[in-house]
Amino acid sequence: MNDLIDPAARRWAFAAIVAGVALMLLVEFVDEPDSTPLEMLLELLKAAPVVITSVGVVLLFRITQQQRHEHLQVLRELEVARLQGQRWRNESRALLDGLGEAIDRQFAQWSLTDAEREVALLLLKGLSTKEIAAVRTSSERTVREQAGAVYAKAGLTGRAALSAFFLEDLLVPTERAR
């Protein structure tokens, strides 16, 4: 609803409220022209809570408006980030699909079993032996044996060599970096 009201109009409305409270206080003082300074001071002290409350309401509203503005800004930034991430995923989908097909072909050349393929993929994704065992509902020993079979069939020395085998050609420096 606040978006429907012009910010300048809101500022004028608050100024009018504060001015109205000040005017009411002034009328109270003028209404009693024969008041002593002490009586005027007491009247002012009686009115102080109203003034302080009015100013507090205005300040609270301003703080709330600022927080709302910051919240909307964060939401806009999150939406931009979400859209950029989605665009990157869409643009890289063909590349990722091609990489997946290349990995499958290499696994076939190494004659990996289905279980060994699954373990090898999970190793490439960075899962630990314990995590792979939990995902596959098998023992850690079985996973270690299957990982060892993958390394032996591929002629590699371990997890780092397996990852490097597939990443080496992907991480070629650009012309600017050379």
Protein backbone atom coordinates (compact mmCIF):
# COMPACT_ATOMS: atom_id res chain seq x y z
CA MET A 1 0.00 0.00 0.00
CA ASN A 2 2.88 2.38 0.77
CA ASP A 3 4.01 1.99 -2.84
CA LEU A 4 0.79 3.72 -3.92
CA ILE A 5 1.60 6.86 -1.95
CA ASP A 6 4.24 9.21 -3.30
CA PRO A 7 7.24 9.43 -0.88
CA ALA A 8 7.10 13.23 -0.99
CA ALA A 9 3.41 13.11 -0.02
CA ARG A 10 4.28 10.84 2.91
CA ARG A 11 6.93 13.30 4.11
CA TRP A 12 4.42 16.16 3.89
CA ALA A 13 1.87 14.10 5.84
CA PHE A 14 4.36 13.47 8.64
CA ALA A 15 5.36 17.10 8.70
CA ALA A 16 1.66 18.01 8.96
CA ILE A 17 1.19 15.63 11.90
CA VAL A 18 4.18 17.04 13.77
CA ALA A 19 3.07 20.60 12.95
CA GLY A 20 -0.46 19.75 14.16
CA VAL A 21 0.87 18.50 17.50
CA ALA A 22 3.02 21.62 17.84
CA LEU A 23 0.01 23.80 16.98
CA MET A 24 -2.12 22.06 19.60
CA LEU A 25 0.58 22.76 22.19
CA LEU A 26 0.80 26.40 21.12
CA VAL A 27 -2.99 26.78 21.38
CA GLU A 28 -2.81 25.33 24.88
CA PHE A 29 -0.27 27.99 25.90
CA VAL A 30 -2.05 30.87 24.18
CA ASP A 31 -5.36 29.78 25.67
CA GLU A 32 -4.05 30.67 29.11
CA PRO A 33 -2.31 34.06 28.64
CA ASP A 34 -2.12 34.84 32.33
CA SER A 35 -0.17 31.68 33.17
CA THR A 36 3.01 32.04 35.15
CA PRO A 37 6.25 30.74 33.68
CA LEU A 38 6.12 27.85 36.15
CA GLU A 39 2.60 26.89 35.03
CA MET A 40 3.70 27.10 31.38
CA LEU A 41 6.67 24.86 32.18
CA LEU A 42 4.38 22.34 33.87
CA GLU A 43 2.03 22.38 30.87
CA LEU A 44 5.03 21.85 28.59
CA LEU A 45 6.16 18.91 30.72
CA LYS A 46 2.66 17.44 30.50
CA ALA A 47 2.77 17.75 26.71
CA ALA A 48 6.31 16.34 26.40
CA PRO A 49 5.18 12.68 26.23
CA VAL A 50 2.86 13.52 23.33
CA VAL A 51 5.65 15.30 21.45
CA ILE A 52 8.18 12.57 22.19
CA THR A 53 5.71 9.87 21.17
CA SER A 54 4.88 11.70 17.94
CA VAL A 55 8.54 12.12 17.05
CA GLY A 56 9.16 8.47 18.00
CA VAL A 57 6.35 7.29 15.73
CA VAL A 58 7.75 9.33 12.85
CA LEU A 59 11.28 7.99 13.43
CA LEU A 60 10.02 4.42 13.79
CA PHE A 61 8.12 4.73 10.54
CA ARG A 62 11.23 6.10 8.77
CA ILE A 63 13.36 3.24 10.11
CA THR A 64 10.73 0.71 9.02
CA GLN A 65 10.58 2.28 5.56
CA GLN A 66 14.40 2.15 5.29
CA GLN A 67 14.44 -1.51 6.33
CA ARG A 68 11.69 -2.30 3.82
CA HIS A 69 13.68 -0.54 1.10
CA GLU A 70 16.82 -2.54 2.02
CA HIS A 71 14.78 -5.77 2.10
CA LEU A 72 13.39 -5.08 -1.38
CA GLN A 73 16.91 -4.29 -2.62
CA VAL A 74 18.19 -7.63 -1.29
CA LEU A 75 15.27 -9.43 -2.93
CA ARG A 76 16.06 -7.73 -6.25
CA GLU A 77 19.74 -8.70 -5.96
CA LEU A 78 18.79 -12.30 -5.12
CA GLU A 79 16.50 -12.44 -8.15
CA VAL A 80 19.30 -11.13 -10.38
CA ALA A 81 21.68 -13.76 -8.96
CA ARG A 82 19.06 -16.49 -9.45
CA LEU A 83 18.51 -15.44 -13.06
CA GLN A 84 22.27 -15.30 -13.72
CA GLY A 85 22.70 -18.77 -12.22
CA GLN A 86 19.84 -20.12 -14.31
CA ARG A 87 21.32 -18.53 -17.45
CA TRP A 88 24.73 -20.06 -16.68
CA ARG A 89 23.15 -23.50 -16.14
CA ASN A 90 21.23 -23.21 -19.40
CA GLU A 91 24.29 -22.06 -21.35
CA SER A 92 26.54 -24.73 -19.88
CA ARG A 93 23.98 -27.58 -20.06
CA ALA A 94 25.20 -28.74 -23.49
CA LEU A 95 28.80 -28.65 -22.28
CA LEU A 96 27.95 -30.57 -19.13
CA ASP A 97 25.95 -33.12 -21.12
CA GLY A 98 28.92 -33.55 -23.46
CA LEU A 99 31.27 -33.99 -20.50
CA GLY A 100 28.96 -36.62 -19.02
CA GLU A 101 28.91 -38.50 -22.33
CA ALA A 102 32.71 -38.30 -22.58
CA ILE A 103 33.07 -39.67 -19.03
CA ASP A 104 30.66 -42.52 -19.86
CA ARG A 105 32.68 -43.39 -22.99
CA GLN A 106 35.90 -43.43 -20.97
CA PHE A 107 34.32 -45.65 -18.33
CA ALA A 108 33.23 -48.02 -21.12
CA GLN A 109 36.81 -48.09 -22.51
CA TRP A 110 38.05 -49.01 -19.06
CA SER A 111 35.37 -51.76 -18.88
CA LEU A 112 34.00 -50.58 -15.55
CA THR A 113 31.04 -52.44 -14.06
CA ASP A 114 27.88 -50.50 -13.20
CA ALA A 115 28.91 -50.43 -9.52
CA GLU A 116 32.42 -49.23 -10.40
CA ARG A 117 30.96 -46.52 -12.68
CA GLU A 118 28.76 -45.27 -9.85
CA VAL A 119 31.65 -45.23 -7.38
CA ALA A 120 33.90 -43.48 -9.92
CA LEU A 121 31.27 -40.76 -10.55
CA LEU A 122 30.80 -40.21 -6.82
CA LEU A 123 34.59 -40.01 -6.39
CA LEU A 124 34.71 -37.39 -9.17
CA LYS A 125 31.98 -35.44 -7.37
CA GLY A 126 34.20 -35.32 -4.29
CA LEU A 127 32.34 -37.66 -1.94
CA SER A 128 34.36 -39.46 0.71
CA THR A 129 34.46 -43.24 0.97
CA LYS A 130 32.12 -43.05 3.95
CA GLU A 131 29.67 -40.81 2.06
CA ILE A 132 29.72 -43.08 -0.99
CA ALA A 133 29.02 -46.10 1.25
CA ALA A 134 26.03 -44.27 2.75
CA VAL A 135 24.68 -43.23 -0.68
CA ARG A 136 25.06 -46.75 -2.08
CA THR A 137 24.01 -48.48 1.15
CA SER A 138 27.13 -50.59 1.13
CA SER A 139 30.15 -50.92 3.39
CA GLU A 140 33.16 -48.64 3.24
CA ARG A 141 35.29 -51.70 2.56
CA THR A 142 33.23 -52.53 -0.55
CA VAL A 143 33.56 -48.94 -1.77
CA ARG A 144 37.34 -48.99 -1.22
CA GLU A 145 37.59 -52.26 -3.17
CA GLN A 146 35.47 -50.88 -6.03
CA ALA A 147 37.51 -47.65 -6.07
CA GLY A 148 40.69 -49.74 -6.19
CA ALA A 149 39.27 -51.68 -9.16
CA VAL A 150 38.49 -48.38 -10.95
CA TYR A 151 42.05 -47.13 -10.40
CA ALA A 152 43.55 -50.44 -11.55
CA LYS A 153 41.43 -50.68 -14.73
CA ALA A 154 42.18 -47.02 -15.54
CA GLY A 155 45.88 -47.39 -14.80
CA LEU A 156 45.68 -44.53 -12.29
CA THR A 157 47.18 -44.15 -8.83
CA GLY A 158 44.18 -42.85 -6.90
CA ARG A 159 41.40 -40.30 -6.52
CA ALA A 160 43.53 -37.27 -7.44
CA ALA A 161 44.76 -38.97 -10.61
CA LEU A 162 41.17 -39.94 -11.52
CA SER A 163 40.01 -36.33 -11.15
CA ALA A 164 43.06 -35.01 -12.99
CA PHE A 165 42.43 -37.43 -15.86
CA PHE A 166 39.09 -35.76 -16.61
CA LEU A 167 39.95 -32.19 -15.58
CA GLU A 168 43.37 -31.79 -17.19
CA ASP A 169 42.09 -30.79 -20.62
CA LEU A 170 39.22 -28.73 -19.19
CA LEU A 171 41.54 -26.40 -17.29
CA VAL A 172 43.59 -25.07 -20.18
CA PRO A 173 44.71 -21.49 -19.52
CA THR A 174 43.19 -18.79 -21.70
CA GLU A 175 45.34 -16.67 -24.01
CA ARG A 176 45.33 -13.80 -21.50
CA ALA A 177 46.63 -16.02 -18.70
CA ARG A 178 49.54 -17.42 -20.72
